[in-house]
Amino acid sequence: MRKRVWALAMAAVMAAGLAACGGDSAGTTTAAPQADVGTGAPQGGQAEGGQTEAAGGASKVTVIIKATDSSYWQTVLLGAQAAADASNGQITVTTAGPASETDIDEQVTILENAVAAGPDGIVIASISSEATVPAVEDAVSAGIPVVTVDNKLATDQYTQHLATDHYAAAATAAEDMVQQWKAAGIDPAGKKAAVISADSGSAVNQARCEGFADKLQELVPDIQLIQTQYCDNDIAKAQDAVDNLILANEDLVGIFGDNNHMGDGIANSIAQNDKAGSIMAYAFDSDDTEIAAIKNGSLTGIVVQDPFGMGYDGVLAAVAAAKGESVEHDIVAATTLVTKANLEEADVQKLLYPGK
């Protein structure tokens, strides 16, 4: 059923101006149709404990993303809104989030406001594994189901966790990198590879970096891993970091970025330094810059999740739990390694362009 509503949901959401990289002031996102917008607190119609009152009868779910400046997180919102659209008025969605993945305190405030408003359910992609735990536990104690997506929190008091195995998924990039070196006639033994990270404090980013590095060293024991470069989730900083690495290391043959912003910066640097084909570069998640970079060779591949599906399924799980239905506590979401070889395949295109 989900796939059948993608096109309709995308058209409706895009018509309302939910731009891929859009975002307004820190603390809010641009609204999707039928969504109450603000600091994440649904307006009215709620009884204590997350139970929907008779007025309207719709289940109200607040969806809080990591950052409004990322097309990846905007796609999560598209999926959440699609779930509401498919419910024929039985679900309404409020969307919110800080401007950047570095705005941990702002996200905590948004979550606290949402809990205080008493929605029927909350879906959150938490920036921090620790900072949002008290508010999440407060919500669950108050009878409000909380579905966490992407980042796993340092608590078991959540309704459902829906996420990628980031460590294992990143390892697939290392495996493919080794294959690409072989195909290009590059012997990586004794040469260098680098990891470009958006955030040193995120458990998700750490798992991705470790998964890539551990697998690469397993497959190529003599590879030299340059110390991880942290770039504050800033594309320009990532590009500068890669520029410097290329300048200082003539034997650099591989780079991994742990999210799409890092992927954008890596791709820009490789293109400007004319290193496509001689440096194999991979990143996590997708956006238009990365897709174009795969086509022109400045990125070799990207590990793609299903953010649309996470938003969609997260909302449905929150509503089901609010109605007293049993939901699975932990779900591992699938990922796909996208390269030039499979970029045009139909299933891959659905992941890259949800709703089309």
Protein backbone atom coordinates (compact mmCIF):
# COMPACT_ATOMS: atom_id res chain seq x y z
CA MET A 1 0.00 0.00 0.00
CA ARG A 2 2.85 2.34 0.84
CA LYS A 3 4.28 2.39 -2.67
CA ARG A 4 0.89 3.14 -4.20
CA VAL A 5 0.60 6.41 -2.28
CA TRP A 6 4.14 7.67 -2.84
CA ALA A 7 3.43 9.61 -6.01
CA LEU A 8 0.32 11.28 -4.61
CA ALA A 9 2.05 12.10 -1.33
CA MET A 10 5.10 13.54 -3.02
CA ALA A 11 3.02 15.75 -5.28
CA ALA A 12 0.99 17.06 -2.38
CA VAL A 13 3.98 17.71 -0.18
CA MET A 14 6.07 19.34 -2.85
CA ALA A 15 3.16 21.53 -3.84
CA ALA A 16 3.15 22.87 -0.32
CA GLY A 17 6.79 23.85 -0.59
CA LEU A 18 8.63 21.17 1.37
CA ALA A 19 11.87 21.76 -0.48
CA ALA A 20 14.56 19.09 -0.41
CA CYS A 21 17.12 21.26 1.33
CA GLY A 22 14.70 23.76 2.75
CA GLY A 23 14.22 24.82 6.33
CA ASP A 24 13.17 27.94 8.10
CA SER A 25 14.25 29.27 11.45
CA ALA A 26 16.00 26.96 13.85
CA GLY A 27 13.52 24.69 15.57
CA THR A 28 10.89 24.27 12.85
CA THR A 29 10.51 22.72 9.45
CA THR A 30 8.41 23.83 6.53
CA ALA A 31 4.99 22.26 6.89
CA ALA A 32 3.58 19.44 4.87
CA PRO A 33 -0.16 19.48 4.16
CA GLN A 34 -2.29 18.59 7.20
CA ALA A 35 0.70 19.11 9.50
CA ASP A 36 0.63 21.48 12.46
CA VAL A 37 3.89 23.40 12.35
CA GLY A 38 5.76 25.04 15.18
CA THR A 39 8.08 23.82 17.88
CA GLY A 40 6.90 20.24 17.62
CA ALA A 41 3.92 20.60 19.94
CA PRO A 42 0.59 19.48 18.46
CA GLN A 43 -2.19 21.94 19.04
CA GLY A 44 -5.23 20.86 21.07
CA GLY A 45 -7.44 17.79 20.94
CA GLN A 46 -5.28 15.76 23.33
CA ALA A 47 -6.02 14.17 26.64
CA GLU A 48 -3.42 13.21 29.22
CA GLY A 49 -1.45 10.09 28.33
CA GLY A 50 -1.53 10.62 24.59
CA GLN A 51 -5.15 9.59 24.04
CA THR A 52 -6.99 11.32 21.20
CA GLU A 53 -10.13 13.17 22.27
CA ALA A 54 -13.39 12.83 20.44
CA ALA A 55 -12.91 16.01 18.42
CA GLY A 56 -11.92 14.94 14.94
CA GLY A 57 -10.92 11.46 16.06
CA ALA A 58 -7.58 11.64 14.24
CA SER A 59 -4.40 10.28 15.80
CA LYS A 60 -1.87 13.08 16.15
CA VAL A 61 1.79 12.25 15.65
CA THR A 62 4.75 14.60 16.04
CA VAL A 63 7.73 13.81 13.80
CA ILE A 64 11.05 15.38 14.83
CA ILE A 65 14.01 15.16 12.47
CA LYS A 66 17.71 15.85 13.03
CA ALA A 67 18.03 18.82 10.69
CA THR A 68 15.99 20.88 8.27
CA ASP A 69 19.06 21.64 6.11
CA SER A 70 19.31 18.08 4.77
CA SER A 71 17.35 16.56 1.92
CA TYR A 72 17.67 13.19 3.64
CA TRP A 73 15.67 14.32 6.66
CA GLN A 74 13.16 16.13 4.49
CA THR A 75 12.51 12.76 2.81
CA VAL A 76 11.72 11.27 6.21
CA LEU A 77 9.04 13.96 6.52
CA LEU A 78 7.69 13.10 3.07
CA GLY A 79 7.22 9.51 4.22
CA ALA A 80 5.55 10.60 7.44
CA GLN A 81 3.14 12.83 5.54
CA ALA A 82 2.42 10.03 3.08
CA ALA A 83 1.28 7.85 5.98
CA ALA A 84 -1.09 10.61 7.06
CA ASP A 85 -2.37 11.11 3.51
CA ALA A 86 -3.06 7.39 3.15
CA SER A 87 -5.10 7.31 6.38
CA ASN A 88 -8.08 9.22 4.97
CA GLY A 89 -8.01 11.73 7.80
CA GLN A 90 -7.34 9.25 10.58
CA ILE A 91 -3.78 10.53 11.14
CA THR A 92 -2.42 14.06 11.27
CA VAL A 93 1.30 14.81 11.39
CA THR A 94 3.20 17.70 12.97
CA THR A 95 6.79 18.13 11.76
CA ALA A 96 9.68 19.87 13.48
CA GLY A 97 13.45 19.88 13.80
CA PRO A 98 16.49 22.07 14.37
CA ALA A 99 18.27 23.73 11.47
CA SER A 100 21.43 21.64 11.76
CA GLU A 101 22.58 18.31 13.16
CA THR A 102 24.83 20.25 15.51
CA ASP A 103 21.83 21.87 17.27
CA ILE A 104 21.39 19.28 20.01
CA ASP A 105 19.97 21.64 22.64
CA GLU A 106 17.42 22.99 20.19
CA GLN A 107 16.20 19.49 19.36
CA VAL A 108 15.86 18.67 23.05
CA THR A 109 13.69 21.76 23.53
CA ILE A 110 11.52 20.78 20.56
CA LEU A 111 11.05 17.30 21.99
CA GLU A 112 10.22 18.58 25.47
CA ASN A 113 7.58 20.90 24.01
CA ALA A 114 6.12 18.03 22.01
CA VAL A 115 5.89 15.78 25.07
CA ALA A 116 4.23 18.57 27.07
CA ALA A 117 1.58 18.94 24.35
CA GLY A 118 0.61 15.26 24.68
CA PRO A 119 0.31 13.93 21.13
CA ASP A 120 -0.80 10.37 20.46
CA GLY A 121 2.70 9.44 19.35
CA ILE A 122 6.15 10.80 18.64
CA VAL A 123 8.65 9.79 15.96
CA ILE A 124 12.15 11.16 16.49
CA ALA A 125 15.53 10.92 14.80
CA SER A 126 17.64 12.02 17.73
CA ILE A 127 20.92 13.83 17.12
CA SER A 128 22.33 12.65 20.43
CA SER A 129 22.11 9.21 21.98
CA GLU A 130 22.03 10.75 25.46
CA ALA A 131 20.54 14.25 25.46
CA THR A 132 16.99 13.30 24.45
CA VAL A 133 16.73 10.29 26.77
CA PRO A 134 15.01 12.08 29.71
CA ALA A 135 12.28 13.54 27.49
CA VAL A 136 11.75 10.25 25.67
CA GLU A 137 11.43 8.41 28.98
CA ASP A 138 9.00 11.07 30.22
CA ALA A 139 6.87 10.56 27.11
CA VAL A 140 6.77 6.79 27.49
CA SER A 141 5.93 7.14 31.19
CA ALA A 142 3.04 9.43 30.22
CA GLY A 143 1.68 6.82 27.83
CA ILE A 144 2.91 8.48 24.64
CA PRO A 145 4.48 5.92 22.26
CA VAL A 146 7.91 7.00 20.98
CA VAL A 147 9.37 5.55 17.81
CA THR A 148 13.06 6.31 17.35
CA VAL A 149 14.58 6.20 13.89
CA ASP A 150 18.22 6.21 12.82
CA ASN A 151 20.09 6.90 16.07
CA LYS A 152 19.67 4.42 18.93
CA LEU A 153 19.23 6.01 22.34
CA ALA A 154 20.95 5.01 25.57
CA THR A 155 17.70 3.63 26.98
CA ASP A 156 15.34 0.73 26.33
CA GLN A 157 12.31 2.89 27.19
CA TYR A 158 11.05 3.47 23.66
CA THR A 159 8.22 1.88 21.73
CA GLN A 160 10.11 0.94 18.60
CA HIS A 161 13.55 1.58 17.14
CA LEU A 162 13.71 1.55 13.34
CA ALA A 163 17.19 1.94 11.94
CA THR A 164 19.98 0.77 9.74
CA ASP A 165 22.81 -1.37 11.07
CA HIS A 166 25.18 1.49 10.33
CA TYR A 167 28.34 -0.46 11.11
CA ALA A 168 27.47 -3.30 8.74
CA ALA A 169 26.17 -0.96 6.03
CA ALA A 170 29.36 1.10 6.00
CA ALA A 171 31.37 -2.10 5.67
CA THR A 172 29.73 -2.69 2.29
CA ALA A 173 31.34 0.52 1.03
CA ALA A 174 34.77 -0.76 2.07
CA GLU A 175 34.14 -4.06 0.32
CA ASP A 176 33.14 -2.33 -2.88
CA MET A 177 36.08 0.08 -2.65
CA VAL A 178 38.48 -2.86 -2.66
CA GLN A 179 36.73 -4.31 -5.71
CA GLN A 180 36.91 -0.97 -7.50
CA TRP A 181 40.64 -0.69 -6.79
CA LYS A 182 41.14 -4.13 -8.28
CA ALA A 183 39.12 -3.24 -11.39
CA ALA A 184 41.14 -0.03 -11.82
CA GLY A 185 44.48 -1.79 -11.38
CA ILE A 186 45.24 0.03 -8.11
CA ASP A 187 47.21 -1.85 -5.45
CA PRO A 188 46.15 -0.27 -2.11
CA ALA A 189 48.82 -2.00 0.00
CA GLY A 190 50.90 0.67 1.71
CA LYS A 191 48.75 3.47 0.32
CA LYS A 192 46.34 5.73 2.23
CA ALA A 193 42.61 6.07 2.83
CA ALA A 194 40.71 8.70 4.79
CA VAL A 195 37.44 9.05 6.68
CA ILE A 196 35.53 12.35 6.66
CA SER A 197 32.98 12.62 9.47
CA ALA A 198 30.19 15.10 10.12
CA ASP A 199 30.14 14.75 13.89
CA SER A 200 32.42 13.15 16.47
CA GLY A 201 29.63 12.95 19.05
CA SER A 202 27.03 10.99 17.08
CA ALA A 203 26.79 7.25 17.72
CA VAL A 204 25.46 6.77 14.19
CA ASN A 205 28.40 8.57 12.60
CA GLN A 206 30.85 6.71 14.81
CA ALA A 207 29.35 3.37 13.82
CA ARG A 208 29.60 4.24 10.14
CA CYS A 209 33.22 5.37 10.40
CA GLU A 210 34.21 2.32 12.43
CA GLY A 211 32.34 -0.08 10.17
CA PHE A 212 34.12 1.25 7.10
CA ALA A 213 37.57 1.45 8.70
CA ASP A 214 37.41 -1.98 10.36
CA LYS A 215 36.32 -3.74 7.16
CA LEU A 216 38.89 -1.90 5.05
CA GLN A 217 41.72 -2.85 7.39
CA GLU A 218 40.46 -6.43 7.47
CA LEU A 219 40.55 -6.62 3.68
CA VAL A 220 43.75 -4.59 3.19
CA PRO A 221 45.88 -4.97 6.35
CA ASP A 222 48.65 -2.76 4.92
CA ILE A 223 46.37 0.20 4.16
CA GLN A 224 47.26 3.38 6.05
CA LEU A 225 44.22 5.08 7.54
CA ILE A 226 44.65 8.81 7.98
CA GLN A 227 43.23 10.25 11.20
CA THR A 228 39.50 10.93 10.85
CA GLN A 229 38.67 14.50 9.82
CA TYR A 230 35.65 16.07 11.60
CA CYS A 231 33.81 18.76 9.65
CA ASP A 232 30.80 19.90 11.73
CA ASN A 233 28.35 18.66 9.09
CA ASP A 234 29.55 21.49 6.84
CA ILE A 235 29.97 20.82 3.11
CA ALA A 236 32.58 23.56 2.64
CA LYS A 237 34.64 22.27 5.57
CA ALA A 238 34.51 18.75 4.16
CA GLN A 239 35.68 20.02 0.77
CA ASP A 240 38.55 21.94 2.38
CA ALA A 241 39.55 18.87 4.39
CA VAL A 242 39.70 16.70 1.28
CA ASP A 243 41.57 19.41 -0.64
CA ASN A 244 44.21 19.40 2.09
CA LEU A 245 44.40 15.62 2.20
CA ILE A 246 44.89 15.39 -1.55
CA LEU A 247 47.57 18.06 -1.45
CA ALA A 248 49.45 16.37 1.40
CA ASN A 249 49.08 12.73 0.33
CA GLU A 250 49.97 11.76 -3.21
CA ASP A 251 49.25 8.12 -2.36
CA LEU A 252 45.66 8.76 -1.20
CA VAL A 253 43.45 6.21 -2.97
CA GLY A 254 40.23 6.07 -0.94
CA ILE A 255 37.86 8.34 1.00
CA PHE A 256 34.68 7.62 2.95
CA GLY A 257 32.17 10.24 4.14
CA ASP A 258 29.64 9.38 6.83
CA ASN A 259 26.67 11.38 5.51
CA ASN A 260 25.46 13.19 2.40
CA HIS A 261 26.93 16.56 3.35
CA MET A 262 30.34 14.94 3.70
CA GLY A 263 29.70 13.18 0.40
CA ASP A 264 28.95 16.51 -1.28
CA GLY A 265 32.20 18.03 0.00
CA ILE A 266 34.23 14.97 -1.02
CA ALA A 267 32.72 14.96 -4.51
CA ASN A 268 33.35 18.67 -5.01
CA SER A 269 37.00 18.30 -4.03
CA ILE A 270 37.64 15.24 -6.17
CA ALA A 271 36.07 16.93 -9.17
CA GLN A 272 38.04 20.15 -8.73
CA ASN A 273 41.31 18.26 -8.16
CA ASP A 274 40.69 15.98 -11.16
CA LYS A 275 40.98 12.82 -9.04
CA ALA A 276 37.96 10.92 -10.35
CA GLY A 277 39.02 7.34 -11.00
CA SER A 278 42.26 7.57 -9.06
CA ILE A 279 40.60 8.11 -5.66
CA MET A 280 37.64 5.83 -4.91
CA ALA A 281 35.15 7.79 -2.82
CA TYR A 282 32.05 6.65 -0.97
CA ALA A 283 29.49 8.30 1.30
CA PHE A 284 26.29 7.61 3.22
CA ASP A 285 22.79 8.70 2.15
CA SER A 286 21.85 10.48 -1.05
CA ASP A 287 21.11 13.88 -2.53
CA ASP A 288 21.18 15.39 -6.00
CA THR A 289 24.84 16.43 -5.72
CA GLU A 290 25.90 12.89 -4.84
CA ILE A 291 23.82 11.35 -7.61
CA ALA A 292 25.39 13.71 -10.15
CA ALA A 293 28.81 12.87 -8.70
CA ILE A 294 28.26 9.14 -9.23
CA LYS A 295 27.36 9.84 -12.83
CA ASN A 296 30.51 11.91 -13.43
CA GLY A 297 32.78 9.64 -11.41
CA SER A 298 33.76 11.96 -8.57
CA LEU A 299 31.91 9.62 -6.20
CA THR A 300 32.21 5.88 -6.67
CA GLY A 301 29.22 4.91 -4.54
CA ILE A 302 26.79 5.81 -1.77
CA VAL A 303 25.14 3.69 0.90
CA VAL A 304 21.44 4.48 0.61
CA GLN A 305 18.86 3.96 3.30
CA ASP A 306 15.07 4.27 2.93
CA PRO A 307 14.24 7.53 4.74
CA PHE A 308 10.81 7.73 3.11
CA GLY A 309 9.98 4.27 4.45
CA MET A 310 11.31 5.14 7.90
CA GLY A 311 9.03 8.17 8.11
CA TYR A 312 6.06 6.23 6.80
CA ASP A 313 6.51 3.13 8.94
CA GLY A 314 7.49 5.17 12.01
CA VAL A 315 4.19 7.05 11.98
CA LEU A 316 2.17 3.86 11.51
CA ALA A 317 4.02 2.16 14.37
CA ALA A 318 3.37 5.11 16.70
CA VAL A 319 -0.35 5.09 15.85
CA ALA A 320 -0.62 1.31 16.24
CA ALA A 321 1.02 1.48 19.66
CA ALA A 322 -1.27 4.34 20.71
CA LYS A 323 -4.22 2.08 19.89
CA GLY A 324 -2.84 -0.67 22.10
CA GLU A 325 -1.51 -2.84 19.34
CA SER A 326 1.76 -4.73 19.75
CA VAL A 327 4.72 -3.43 17.71
CA GLU A 328 8.18 -4.91 17.29
CA HIS A 329 10.71 -3.28 19.62
CA ASP A 330 13.72 -3.20 17.27
CA ILE A 331 13.72 -3.35 13.46
CA VAL A 332 16.80 -3.33 11.23
CA ALA A 333 16.17 -1.47 7.99
CA ALA A 334 17.80 -2.56 4.73
CA THR A 335 20.35 -0.48 2.81
CA THR A 336 21.48 -0.45 -0.80
CA LEU A 337 24.94 0.34 -2.15
CA VAL A 338 24.40 2.55 -5.19
CA THR A 339 27.07 2.84 -7.88
CA LYS A 340 27.09 3.74 -11.55
CA ALA A 341 26.41 0.07 -12.30
CA ASN A 342 22.97 0.00 -10.64
CA LEU A 343 22.07 3.70 -10.52
CA GLU A 344 19.37 3.44 -13.20
CA GLU A 345 17.70 0.29 -11.88
CA ALA A 346 14.03 0.79 -11.02
CA ASP A 347 14.29 -0.21 -7.36
CA VAL A 348 17.29 2.07 -6.88
CA GLN A 349 15.52 4.98 -8.55
CA LYS A 350 12.62 4.59 -6.10
CA LEU A 351 15.07 4.96 -3.21
CA LEU A 352 16.78 7.97 -4.76
CA TYR A 353 13.57 9.70 -5.87
CA PRO A 354 10.74 8.61 -3.54
CA GLY A 355 7.32 8.98 -5.13
CA LYS A 356 8.41 9.03 -8.73
